[in-house]
Amino acid sequence: MASRVLSLRIDADLWDRIRDHAAKRGMSAQDYVVQALVRDDFDERFKTAVDETERFYGQGGPLNAPGPARDPQSRPSAGIR
């Protein structure tokens, strides 16, 4: 896989916090930032997949089927914003 360069201008306080978080995990600041970006990308792709699944099944699908009250935390999108 090819790599690219991304240059950022970061506030000194933010840079210090990033370095602290990275050090706590035994990582370089660069690796920490890349991991955060990858995690955010995964969250976005997962949320999109959940939204598409809910749209596919619609209001009468398995997630919204009539019956006993469902725990809102048991939905696939629970906790994803």
N, C-alpha and C. Protein backbone atom coordinates (compact mmCIF):
# COMPACT_ATOMS: atom_id res chain seq x y z
N MET A 1 0.85 -1.17 0.00
CA MET A 1 0.00 0.00 0.00
C MET A 1 0.90 1.24 0.00
N ALA A 2 0.58 2.18 -0.82
CA ALA A 2 1.35 3.41 -0.91
C ALA A 2 1.03 4.30 0.29
N SER A 3 2.00 5.08 0.70
CA SER A 3 1.76 6.01 1.80
C SER A 3 1.85 7.43 1.28
N ARG A 4 1.21 8.31 1.97
CA ARG A 4 1.19 9.73 1.62
C ARG A 4 1.61 10.53 2.84
N VAL A 5 1.94 11.78 2.64
CA VAL A 5 2.34 12.66 3.73
C VAL A 5 1.23 13.67 3.99
N LEU A 6 0.93 13.87 5.26
CA LEU A 6 -0.05 14.88 5.67
C LEU A 6 0.63 15.76 6.69
N SER A 7 0.68 17.04 6.42
CA SER A 7 1.31 17.98 7.33
C SER A 7 0.23 18.78 8.03
N LEU A 8 0.33 18.89 9.34
CA LEU A 8 -0.68 19.62 10.13
C LEU A 8 -0.03 20.69 10.98
N ARG A 9 -0.72 21.77 11.17
CA ARG A 9 -0.30 22.78 12.13
C ARG A 9 -1.21 22.59 13.34
N ILE A 10 -0.60 22.27 14.50
CA ILE A 10 -1.36 21.93 15.70
C ILE A 10 -0.99 22.88 16.82
N ASP A 11 -1.99 23.34 17.54
CA ASP A 11 -1.81 24.17 18.71
C ASP A 11 -0.88 23.46 19.71
N ALA A 12 -0.02 24.20 20.39
CA ALA A 12 0.95 23.60 21.31
C ALA A 12 0.28 22.80 22.42
N ASP A 13 -0.83 23.30 22.96
CA ASP A 13 -1.54 22.57 24.02
C ASP A 13 -2.09 21.25 23.51
N LEU A 14 -2.67 21.28 22.31
CA LEU A 14 -3.19 20.05 21.72
C LEU A 14 -2.05 19.06 21.46
N TRP A 15 -0.93 19.55 20.95
CA TRP A 15 0.22 18.69 20.69
C TRP A 15 0.70 18.02 21.97
N ASP A 16 0.73 18.79 23.05
CA ASP A 16 1.16 18.23 24.34
C ASP A 16 0.20 17.14 24.81
N ARG A 17 -1.10 17.37 24.64
CA ARG A 17 -2.09 16.34 25.03
C ARG A 17 -1.96 15.09 24.17
N ILE A 18 -1.74 15.28 22.87
CA ILE A 18 -1.56 14.13 21.98
C ILE A 18 -0.33 13.34 22.40
N ARG A 19 0.76 14.02 22.65
CA ARG A 19 1.99 13.33 23.07
C ARG A 19 1.79 12.60 24.39
N ASP A 20 1.05 13.21 25.34
CA ASP A 20 0.78 12.55 26.62
C ASP A 20 -0.05 11.28 26.42
N HIS A 21 -1.10 11.38 25.62
CA HIS A 21 -1.96 10.21 25.36
C HIS A 21 -1.16 9.11 24.67
N ALA A 22 -0.33 9.51 23.71
CA ALA A 22 0.48 8.52 22.99
C ALA A 22 1.48 7.86 23.94
N ALA A 23 2.12 8.64 24.80
CA ALA A 23 3.11 8.09 25.73
C ALA A 23 2.46 7.08 26.69
N LYS A 24 1.24 7.36 27.13
CA LYS A 24 0.53 6.44 28.02
C LYS A 24 0.30 5.09 27.36
N ARG A 25 0.21 5.10 26.03
CA ARG A 25 -0.03 3.86 25.28
C ARG A 25 1.26 3.29 24.68
N GLY A 26 2.37 3.94 24.98
CA GLY A 26 3.65 3.47 24.46
C GLY A 26 3.77 3.65 22.96
N MET A 27 3.18 4.71 22.44
CA MET A 27 3.17 4.95 21.00
C MET A 27 3.84 6.28 20.70
N SER A 28 4.21 6.45 19.44
CA SER A 28 4.66 7.77 19.00
C SER A 28 3.41 8.62 18.76
N ALA A 29 3.59 9.93 18.78
CA ALA A 29 2.46 10.83 18.52
C ALA A 29 1.89 10.57 17.13
N GLN A 30 2.76 10.31 16.15
CA GLN A 30 2.31 10.04 14.79
C GLN A 30 1.43 8.80 14.76
N ASP A 31 1.88 7.71 15.40
CA ASP A 31 1.09 6.48 15.43
C ASP A 31 -0.24 6.68 16.14
N TYR A 32 -0.23 7.47 17.21
CA TYR A 32 -1.46 7.74 17.96
C TYR A 32 -2.48 8.48 17.08
N VAL A 33 -2.01 9.50 16.36
CA VAL A 33 -2.92 10.27 15.50
C VAL A 33 -3.46 9.39 14.38
N VAL A 34 -2.60 8.59 13.76
CA VAL A 34 -3.04 7.70 12.69
C VAL A 34 -4.08 6.71 13.23
N GLN A 35 -3.83 6.14 14.42
CA GLN A 35 -4.79 5.20 15.00
C GLN A 35 -6.13 5.88 15.26
N ALA A 36 -6.10 7.12 15.73
CA ALA A 36 -7.34 7.86 15.98
C ALA A 36 -8.10 8.08 14.67
N LEU A 37 -7.39 8.41 13.60
CA LEU A 37 -8.05 8.61 12.31
C LEU A 37 -8.65 7.31 11.78
N VAL A 38 -7.93 6.22 11.91
CA VAL A 38 -8.42 4.92 11.45
C VAL A 38 -9.66 4.52 12.25
N ARG A 39 -9.61 4.72 13.58
CA ARG A 39 -10.75 4.38 14.43
C ARG A 39 -11.98 5.19 14.04
N ASP A 40 -11.80 6.51 13.81
CA ASP A 40 -12.91 7.36 13.42
C ASP A 40 -13.48 6.93 12.07
N ASP A 41 -12.60 6.56 11.13
CA ASP A 41 -13.05 6.09 9.82
C ASP A 41 -13.87 4.81 9.97
N PHE A 42 -13.41 3.89 10.83
CA PHE A 42 -14.17 2.65 11.05
C PHE A 42 -15.54 2.97 11.64
N ASP A 43 -15.59 3.87 12.64
CA ASP A 43 -16.87 4.24 13.26
C ASP A 43 -17.84 4.79 12.23
N GLU A 44 -17.33 5.64 11.33
CA GLU A 44 -18.19 6.22 10.29
C GLU A 44 -18.70 5.14 9.34
N ARG A 45 -17.82 4.23 8.92
CA ARG A 45 -18.24 3.15 8.01
C ARG A 45 -19.23 2.22 8.70
N PHE A 46 -19.02 1.93 9.99
CA PHE A 46 -19.93 1.06 10.72
C PHE A 46 -21.29 1.71 10.86
N LYS A 47 -21.32 3.00 11.20
CA LYS A 47 -22.59 3.72 11.34
C LYS A 47 -23.34 3.73 10.02
N THR A 48 -22.63 3.94 8.92
CA THR A 48 -23.26 3.93 7.60
C THR A 48 -23.86 2.56 7.31
N ALA A 49 -23.14 1.49 7.64
CA ALA A 49 -23.65 0.14 7.41
C ALA A 49 -24.90 -0.12 8.25
N VAL A 50 -24.90 0.33 9.50
CA VAL A 50 -26.07 0.14 10.37
C VAL A 50 -27.25 0.93 9.81
N ASP A 51 -27.01 2.18 9.40
CA ASP A 51 -28.09 3.00 8.83
C ASP A 51 -28.67 2.34 7.58
N GLU A 52 -27.81 1.81 6.72
CA GLU A 52 -28.29 1.16 5.50
C GLU A 52 -29.09 -0.10 5.84
N THR A 53 -28.65 -0.85 6.84
CA THR A 53 -29.38 -2.05 7.25
C THR A 53 -30.75 -1.68 7.78
N GLU A 54 -30.80 -0.65 8.64
CA GLU A 54 -32.10 -0.22 9.17
C GLU A 54 -33.01 0.30 8.06
N ARG A 55 -32.42 1.00 7.09
CA ARG A 55 -33.22 1.50 5.96
C ARG A 55 -33.72 0.33 5.11
N PHE A 56 -32.89 -0.70 4.93
CA PHE A 56 -33.27 -1.87 4.14
C PHE A 56 -34.46 -2.59 4.77
N TYR A 57 -34.38 -2.79 6.10
CA TYR A 57 -35.46 -3.50 6.78
C TYR A 57 -36.67 -2.62 7.04
N GLY A 58 -36.49 -1.32 7.03
CA GLY A 58 -37.61 -0.40 7.20
C GLY A 58 -38.22 -0.50 8.59
N GLN A 59 -39.41 0.05 8.73
CA GLN A 59 -40.07 0.10 10.04
C GLN A 59 -40.58 -1.26 10.48
N GLY A 60 -40.89 -2.16 9.57
CA GLY A 60 -41.45 -3.46 9.96
C GLY A 60 -40.43 -4.57 10.01
N GLY A 61 -39.15 -4.23 9.92
CA GLY A 61 -38.10 -5.24 9.90
C GLY A 61 -37.81 -5.83 11.27
N PRO A 62 -36.84 -6.74 11.32
CA PRO A 62 -36.53 -7.45 12.55
C PRO A 62 -36.17 -6.54 13.71
N LEU A 63 -35.55 -5.41 13.44
CA LEU A 63 -35.14 -4.53 14.53
C LEU A 63 -36.32 -3.76 15.11
N ASN A 64 -37.35 -3.57 14.31
CA ASN A 64 -38.50 -2.78 14.74
C ASN A 64 -39.78 -3.61 14.74
N ALA A 65 -39.64 -4.93 14.78
CA ALA A 65 -40.81 -5.81 14.71
C ALA A 65 -41.70 -5.60 15.92
N PRO A 66 -43.04 -5.70 15.72
CA PRO A 66 -43.94 -5.56 16.85
C PRO A 66 -43.71 -6.71 17.83
N GLY A 67 -43.99 -6.47 19.05
CA GLY A 67 -43.81 -7.49 20.07
C GLY A 67 -43.41 -6.84 21.37
N PRO A 68 -42.78 -7.60 22.25
CA PRO A 68 -42.40 -7.03 23.53
C PRO A 68 -41.47 -5.84 23.34
N ALA A 69 -41.51 -4.94 24.30
CA ALA A 69 -40.66 -3.75 24.23
C ALA A 69 -39.20 -4.17 24.15
N ARG A 70 -38.46 -3.50 23.27
CA ARG A 70 -37.05 -3.82 23.08
C ARG A 70 -36.19 -2.83 23.86
N ASP A 71 -35.10 -3.33 24.39
CA ASP A 71 -34.14 -2.48 25.06
C ASP A 71 -33.44 -1.63 24.01
N PRO A 72 -33.46 -0.28 24.14
CA PRO A 72 -32.84 0.56 23.10
C PRO A 72 -31.34 0.31 22.97
N GLN A 73 -30.68 -0.22 24.00
CA GLN A 73 -29.26 -0.49 23.92
C GLN A 73 -28.96 -1.75 23.10
N SER A 74 -29.98 -2.53 22.76
CA SER A 74 -29.74 -3.75 21.99
C SER A 74 -29.77 -3.50 20.49
N ARG A 75 -30.14 -2.30 20.08
CA ARG A 75 -30.11 -1.97 18.65
C ARG A 75 -28.68 -1.90 18.17
N PRO A 76 -28.40 -2.29 16.91
CA PRO A 76 -27.04 -2.25 16.39
C PRO A 76 -26.42 -0.86 16.45
N SER A 77 -27.23 0.19 16.37
CA SER A 77 -26.66 1.55 16.35
C SER A 77 -26.57 2.14 17.75
N ALA A 78 -26.86 1.38 18.79
CA ALA A 78 -26.81 1.91 20.14
C ALA A 78 -25.40 2.41 20.44
N GLY A 79 -25.32 3.64 20.89
CA GLY A 79 -24.04 4.21 21.29
C GLY A 79 -23.23 4.80 20.16
N ILE A 80 -23.71 4.73 18.93
CA ILE A 80 -22.98 5.31 17.79
C ILE A 80 -23.63 6.62 17.42
N ARG A 81 -22.82 7.64 17.35
CA ARG A 81 -23.38 8.97 17.03
C ARG A 81 -22.86 9.44 15.72
